[in-house]
Amino acid sequence: MNTTTQASPAATDNYLSINNIEVIYDHVILVLKGVSLTVPKGKIVALLGANGAGKSTTLKAISNLLHAERGDVTKGNVEFKGARVDQLTPNELVKRGVIQVMEGRHCFAHLSIEENLLTGAYTRGISRSELKQNLEMVYHYFPRLKTRRASQAGYTSGGEQQMCAIGRALMAKPEMILLDEPSMGLAPQIVEEIFEIVKDLNSKENVSFLLAEQNTMVALRYADLGYILENGRVVMEGDAKELASNEDVKEFYLGLSSAGRKSFKDVKHYRRRKRWLS
């Protein structure tokens, strides 16, 4: 049973809409079980949950990257701006304005930072002057990249590689970015820096974000709305601030309760039964 806070994302004007999708790998393994969620235009939506909950699979189902991993959407559909897009190729989806930044900071290690960024504009066929303007826009939001523009990407830090991956996505002029685990393996101060940049891109460039994240505390602080996945199902959804103050979320995902911070052992053995699994 889904537990929903008062302000449901479904009540708002939807930009990206995932409608009751089911995903199966290798024709056998059921990973997503009727997942539905919406991303309103101009918003940051956090997709939360533990490792293996189905967050990355949800993003790949949207961006049509499942076939590379022998996965298929067997039920439901995905719509962007009112048009069904789950039958498009990933390249066609990028041209529509939706692009995914994969988990793991995927950069072309042998290319420089700037060469990596330029690959993001490959499908657009733009003029040299427009390309230069786009590069300067990326460097404005990621000044570290401008400093390291000539450096080979494989020899830059994890934070710089994550910034490069997001910057490369920006070069495609997206209307929506699917951002998978941006905090993974990064120092807390770098995580904060990246999330601040995401917030700036959202407010100043009007880029909508659906971000999959295990760091619930940070994600809910920057997001407008949130969904929590468990075992391939949405178990909770609502306004990010309301989710952050929800006692169940605090106990099971932040390691907190009304009595204060709990030990991992206490959280793991769940003193309070999860009502949505009853």
Protein backbone atom coordinates (compact mmCIF):
# COMPACT_ATOMS: atom_id res chain seq x y z
CA MET A 1 0.00 0.00 0.00
CA ASN A 2 1.38 3.40 -0.98
CA THR A 3 1.72 5.99 1.75
CA THR A 4 1.22 9.45 0.28
CA THR A 5 1.80 12.84 1.84
CA GLN A 6 -0.70 15.63 1.25
CA ALA A 7 0.96 17.27 -1.78
CA SER A 8 1.14 14.54 -4.42
CA PRO A 9 3.16 15.14 -7.58
CA ALA A 10 0.28 13.67 -9.56
CA ALA A 11 -1.73 16.78 -8.77
CA THR A 12 0.62 19.05 -10.71
CA ASP A 13 1.17 19.74 -14.41
CA ASN A 14 3.20 16.78 -15.65
CA TYR A 15 6.11 17.09 -18.04
CA LEU A 16 7.52 13.58 -17.86
CA SER A 17 5.05 10.84 -16.98
CA ILE A 18 5.90 7.20 -16.20
CA ASN A 19 2.73 5.15 -16.22
CA ASN A 20 2.60 1.79 -14.45
CA ILE A 21 5.76 0.38 -16.04
CA GLU A 22 6.98 -3.14 -15.49
CA VAL A 23 10.57 -4.13 -16.34
CA ILE A 24 11.87 -7.66 -16.77
CA TYR A 25 15.52 -8.67 -17.32
CA ASP A 26 16.45 -11.79 -19.31
CA HIS A 27 12.72 -12.54 -19.78
CA VAL A 28 12.65 -13.84 -16.19
CA ILE A 29 13.68 -11.32 -13.50
CA LEU A 30 10.93 -8.86 -12.58
CA VAL A 31 12.65 -5.67 -11.39
CA LEU A 32 10.01 -2.91 -11.61
CA LYS A 33 6.45 -3.76 -10.58
CA GLY A 34 4.01 -1.12 -11.77
CA VAL A 35 6.05 2.04 -11.17
CA SER A 36 4.27 5.33 -11.81
CA LEU A 37 5.72 8.79 -11.25
CA THR A 38 5.60 12.27 -12.74
CA VAL A 39 8.07 15.12 -13.13
CA PRO A 40 6.49 18.57 -13.51
CA LYS A 41 8.15 21.08 -15.79
CA GLY A 42 10.89 23.08 -14.12
CA LYS A 43 11.09 20.87 -11.03
CA ILE A 44 13.70 18.66 -9.38
CA VAL A 45 12.29 15.26 -8.47
CA ALA A 46 14.26 12.83 -6.32
CA LEU A 47 13.94 9.09 -6.82
CA LEU A 48 15.10 7.55 -3.56
CA GLY A 49 15.72 4.11 -2.14
CA ALA A 50 18.38 1.62 -1.14
CA ASN A 51 20.78 -0.06 -3.54
CA GLY A 52 18.80 -2.52 -5.67
CA ALA A 53 15.45 -0.78 -5.17
CA GLY A 54 15.09 -0.13 -8.91
CA LYS A 55 16.16 3.51 -9.22
CA SER A 56 18.69 3.07 -12.04
CA THR A 57 16.38 0.66 -13.86
CA THR A 58 13.63 3.30 -13.77
CA LEU A 59 15.92 5.89 -15.35
CA LYS A 60 17.11 3.44 -18.02
CA ALA A 61 13.50 2.53 -18.79
CA ILE A 62 12.81 6.22 -19.43
CA SER A 63 15.93 6.77 -21.55
CA ASN A 64 15.48 3.48 -23.47
CA LEU A 65 18.85 2.04 -22.43
CA LEU A 66 17.50 -1.25 -21.06
CA HIS A 67 18.08 -3.31 -24.20
CA ALA A 68 21.86 -3.07 -23.75
CA GLU A 69 21.39 -4.96 -20.46
CA ARG A 70 18.81 -7.44 -21.79
CA GLY A 71 15.97 -5.62 -20.11
CA ASP A 72 12.50 -4.83 -21.48
CA VAL A 73 9.56 -2.65 -20.50
CA THR A 74 6.77 -5.24 -20.67
CA LYS A 75 3.90 -3.10 -19.38
CA GLY A 76 3.05 0.57 -19.14
CA ASN A 77 4.49 3.53 -21.03
CA VAL A 78 6.55 6.71 -20.74
CA GLU A 79 5.35 10.09 -22.00
CA PHE A 80 7.25 13.35 -22.41
CA LYS A 81 5.32 16.55 -23.07
CA GLY A 82 2.22 14.49 -23.81
CA ALA A 83 3.83 12.21 -26.43
CA ARG A 84 4.79 8.59 -25.88
CA VAL A 85 8.57 8.17 -26.02
CA ASP A 86 9.31 4.66 -24.75
CA GLN A 87 9.48 3.31 -28.32
CA LEU A 88 12.14 5.83 -29.41
CA THR A 89 15.86 5.14 -29.69
CA PRO A 90 18.10 6.81 -27.08
CA ASN A 91 19.40 9.12 -29.82
CA GLU A 92 15.87 10.18 -30.78
CA LEU A 93 15.04 10.82 -27.13
CA VAL A 94 18.08 13.09 -26.75
CA LYS A 95 16.85 15.10 -29.74
CA ARG A 96 13.48 15.42 -27.98
CA GLY A 97 15.28 16.99 -25.02
CA VAL A 98 15.72 14.13 -22.51
CA ILE A 99 19.21 12.91 -21.66
CA GLN A 100 20.61 10.62 -18.98
CA VAL A 101 23.83 11.09 -17.02
CA MET A 102 24.79 7.54 -16.14
CA GLU A 103 25.89 6.30 -12.75
CA GLY A 104 29.66 6.06 -12.39
CA ARG A 105 30.85 9.30 -14.01
CA HIS A 106 31.18 7.94 -17.54
CA CYS A 107 33.70 10.08 -19.43
CA PHE A 108 35.94 9.33 -22.38
CA ALA A 109 39.08 8.87 -20.30
CA HIS A 110 41.52 9.39 -23.19
CA LEU A 111 39.95 12.70 -24.26
CA SER A 112 40.43 16.08 -22.63
CA ILE A 113 37.67 17.65 -20.55
CA GLU A 114 36.82 20.04 -23.38
CA GLU A 115 36.79 17.28 -25.98
CA ASN A 116 34.38 15.35 -23.73
CA LEU A 117 32.10 18.36 -23.53
CA LEU A 118 32.14 18.85 -27.30
CA THR A 119 30.90 15.30 -27.86
CA GLY A 120 27.69 16.30 -26.07
CA ALA A 121 26.77 18.67 -28.91
CA TYR A 122 27.53 16.14 -31.65
CA THR A 123 23.89 15.46 -32.60
CA ARG A 124 22.87 19.12 -32.77
CA GLY A 125 24.68 20.33 -35.89
CA ILE A 126 25.20 23.85 -34.56
CA SER A 127 27.52 26.63 -35.72
CA ARG A 128 30.99 27.19 -34.29
CA SER A 129 29.88 30.40 -32.57
CA GLU A 130 26.90 28.68 -30.91
CA LEU A 131 29.16 25.83 -29.85
CA LYS A 132 31.49 28.34 -28.21
CA GLN A 133 28.56 29.99 -26.41
CA ASN A 134 27.41 26.63 -25.09
CA LEU A 135 30.89 25.80 -23.86
CA GLU A 136 31.12 29.10 -22.03
CA MET A 137 27.75 28.43 -20.43
CA VAL A 138 29.02 25.07 -19.13
CA TYR A 139 32.23 26.68 -17.88
CA HIS A 140 30.15 29.36 -16.13
CA TYR A 141 28.39 26.71 -14.04
CA PHE A 142 31.45 24.47 -13.72
CA PRO A 143 34.48 26.78 -13.31
CA ARG A 144 36.59 23.78 -12.26
CA LEU A 145 36.16 22.38 -15.77
CA LYS A 146 37.41 25.56 -17.37
CA THR A 147 40.57 25.31 -15.28
CA ARG A 148 41.01 21.67 -16.31
CA ARG A 149 39.73 22.01 -19.89
CA ALA A 150 42.94 20.67 -21.46
CA SER A 151 43.46 17.86 -18.93
CA GLN A 152 42.88 14.26 -19.91
CA ALA A 153 39.55 13.31 -18.29
CA GLY A 154 40.86 10.01 -16.95
CA TYR A 155 43.40 11.85 -14.80
CA THR A 156 40.95 14.29 -13.19
CA SER A 157 39.25 13.81 -9.82
CA GLY A 158 35.98 11.96 -9.32
CA GLY A 159 34.16 15.23 -8.70
CA GLU A 160 35.57 16.78 -11.87
CA GLN A 161 34.55 13.70 -13.88
CA GLN A 162 31.01 13.95 -12.50
CA MET A 163 30.91 17.63 -13.44
CA CYS A 164 32.22 16.73 -16.90
CA ALA A 165 29.46 14.15 -17.36
CA ILE A 166 26.76 16.67 -16.40
CA GLY A 167 28.41 19.39 -18.51
CA ARG A 168 28.50 17.08 -21.53
CA ALA A 169 24.77 16.46 -21.09
CA LEU A 170 24.17 20.22 -20.98
CA MET A 171 25.89 20.61 -24.34
CA ALA A 172 22.97 18.68 -25.87
CA LYS A 173 20.65 21.51 -24.71
CA PRO A 174 18.32 19.21 -22.76
CA GLU A 175 14.97 20.16 -21.30
CA MET A 176 15.24 17.31 -18.81
CA ILE A 177 18.23 15.50 -17.30
CA LEU A 178 17.99 12.05 -15.72
CA LEU A 179 20.81 12.08 -13.17
CA ASP A 180 21.85 8.72 -11.71
CA GLU A 181 23.59 8.67 -8.30
CA PRO A 182 25.49 11.98 -8.63
CA SER A 183 26.89 11.71 -5.08
CA MET A 184 28.32 8.20 -5.39
CA GLY A 185 31.91 7.96 -4.16
CA LEU A 186 32.35 11.73 -3.71
CA ALA A 187 33.41 13.75 -0.68
CA PRO A 188 30.54 15.57 1.08
CA GLN A 189 31.74 19.05 0.07
CA ILE A 190 31.90 18.01 -3.60
CA VAL A 191 28.40 16.51 -3.33
CA GLU A 192 27.08 19.82 -1.98
CA GLU A 193 28.84 21.71 -4.78
CA ILE A 194 27.30 19.50 -7.46
CA PHE A 195 23.81 19.74 -5.98
CA GLU A 196 24.12 23.53 -5.77
CA ILE A 197 24.99 23.57 -9.48
CA VAL A 198 21.99 21.33 -10.23
CA LYS A 199 19.78 23.80 -8.33
CA ASP A 200 21.24 26.70 -10.34
CA LEU A 201 20.71 24.90 -13.65
CA ASN A 202 17.15 24.20 -12.64
CA SER A 203 16.31 27.78 -11.64
CA LYS A 204 18.38 29.71 -14.21
CA GLU A 205 18.35 27.44 -17.27
CA ASN A 206 14.92 25.88 -16.58
CA VAL A 207 16.28 22.33 -16.83
CA SER A 208 14.03 19.78 -15.12
CA PHE A 209 15.74 16.97 -13.21
CA LEU A 210 14.83 13.44 -12.19
CA LEU A 211 17.67 12.28 -9.99
CA ALA A 212 18.16 8.81 -8.53
CA GLU A 213 20.00 9.04 -5.24
CA GLN A 214 20.81 6.95 -2.18
CA ASN A 215 21.79 10.03 -0.18
CA THR A 216 18.22 10.76 0.93
CA MET A 217 19.08 13.66 3.22
CA VAL A 218 20.91 15.68 0.56
CA ALA A 219 18.48 14.82 -2.24
CA LEU A 220 15.39 15.91 -0.28
CA ARG A 221 17.07 19.17 0.68
CA TYR A 222 17.47 20.18 -2.97
CA ALA A 223 14.46 18.48 -4.57
CA ASP A 224 10.93 19.81 -4.92
CA LEU A 225 9.26 16.40 -4.90
CA GLY A 226 10.28 12.88 -4.01
CA TYR A 227 9.42 9.24 -4.61
CA ILE A 228 10.74 6.33 -2.56
CA LEU A 229 11.23 2.94 -4.19
CA GLU A 230 11.46 -0.41 -2.44
CA ASN A 231 11.76 -3.73 -4.24
CA GLY A 232 10.68 -2.22 -7.54
CA ARG A 233 7.59 -0.41 -6.21
CA VAL A 234 6.84 3.18 -5.23
CA VAL A 235 6.04 3.03 -1.51
CA MET A 236 5.91 6.75 -0.71
CA GLU A 237 5.68 10.02 -2.61
CA GLY A 238 5.12 13.72 -2.00
CA ASP A 239 6.62 17.13 -1.35
CA ALA A 240 10.33 16.87 -0.52
CA LYS A 241 10.11 18.90 2.69
CA GLU A 242 7.18 16.84 3.92
CA LEU A 243 9.00 13.60 3.14
CA ALA A 244 12.09 14.83 4.98
CA SER A 245 10.00 15.46 8.11
CA ASN A 246 8.02 12.21 7.83
CA GLU A 247 8.77 9.90 10.77
CA ASP A 248 8.92 6.77 8.61
CA VAL A 249 11.37 8.38 6.18
CA LYS A 250 13.49 9.70 9.04
CA GLU A 251 13.67 6.28 10.67
CA PHE A 252 14.13 3.99 7.68
CA TYR A 253 16.08 6.20 5.27
CA LEU A 254 17.85 8.82 7.39
CA GLY A 255 18.65 6.67 10.43
CA LEU A 256 16.71 9.05 12.70
CA SER A 257 13.67 8.75 14.90
CA SER A 258 11.79 11.00 17.30
CA ALA A 259 14.34 9.89 19.90
CA GLY A 260 17.25 11.15 17.76
CA ARG A 261 19.85 9.44 15.62
CA LYS A 262 19.78 5.67 15.64
CA SER A 263 22.56 3.19 15.14
CA PHE A 264 22.75 1.27 11.88
CA LYS A 265 21.98 -1.90 13.81
CA ASP A 266 18.72 -0.42 15.09
CA VAL A 267 17.74 0.77 11.63
CA LYS A 268 18.61 -2.54 10.03
CA HIS A 269 16.41 -4.50 12.42
CA TYR A 270 13.48 -2.04 12.09
CA ARG A 271 12.01 -1.47 15.52
CA ARG A 272 8.99 0.15 13.82
CA ARG A 273 7.33 -2.04 11.21
CA LYS A 274 7.06 -0.44 7.78
CA ARG A 275 3.36 0.22 7.49
CA TRP A 276 3.40 0.13 3.68
CA LEU A 277 4.68 -3.47 3.75
CA SER A 278 1.96 -4.66 6.16
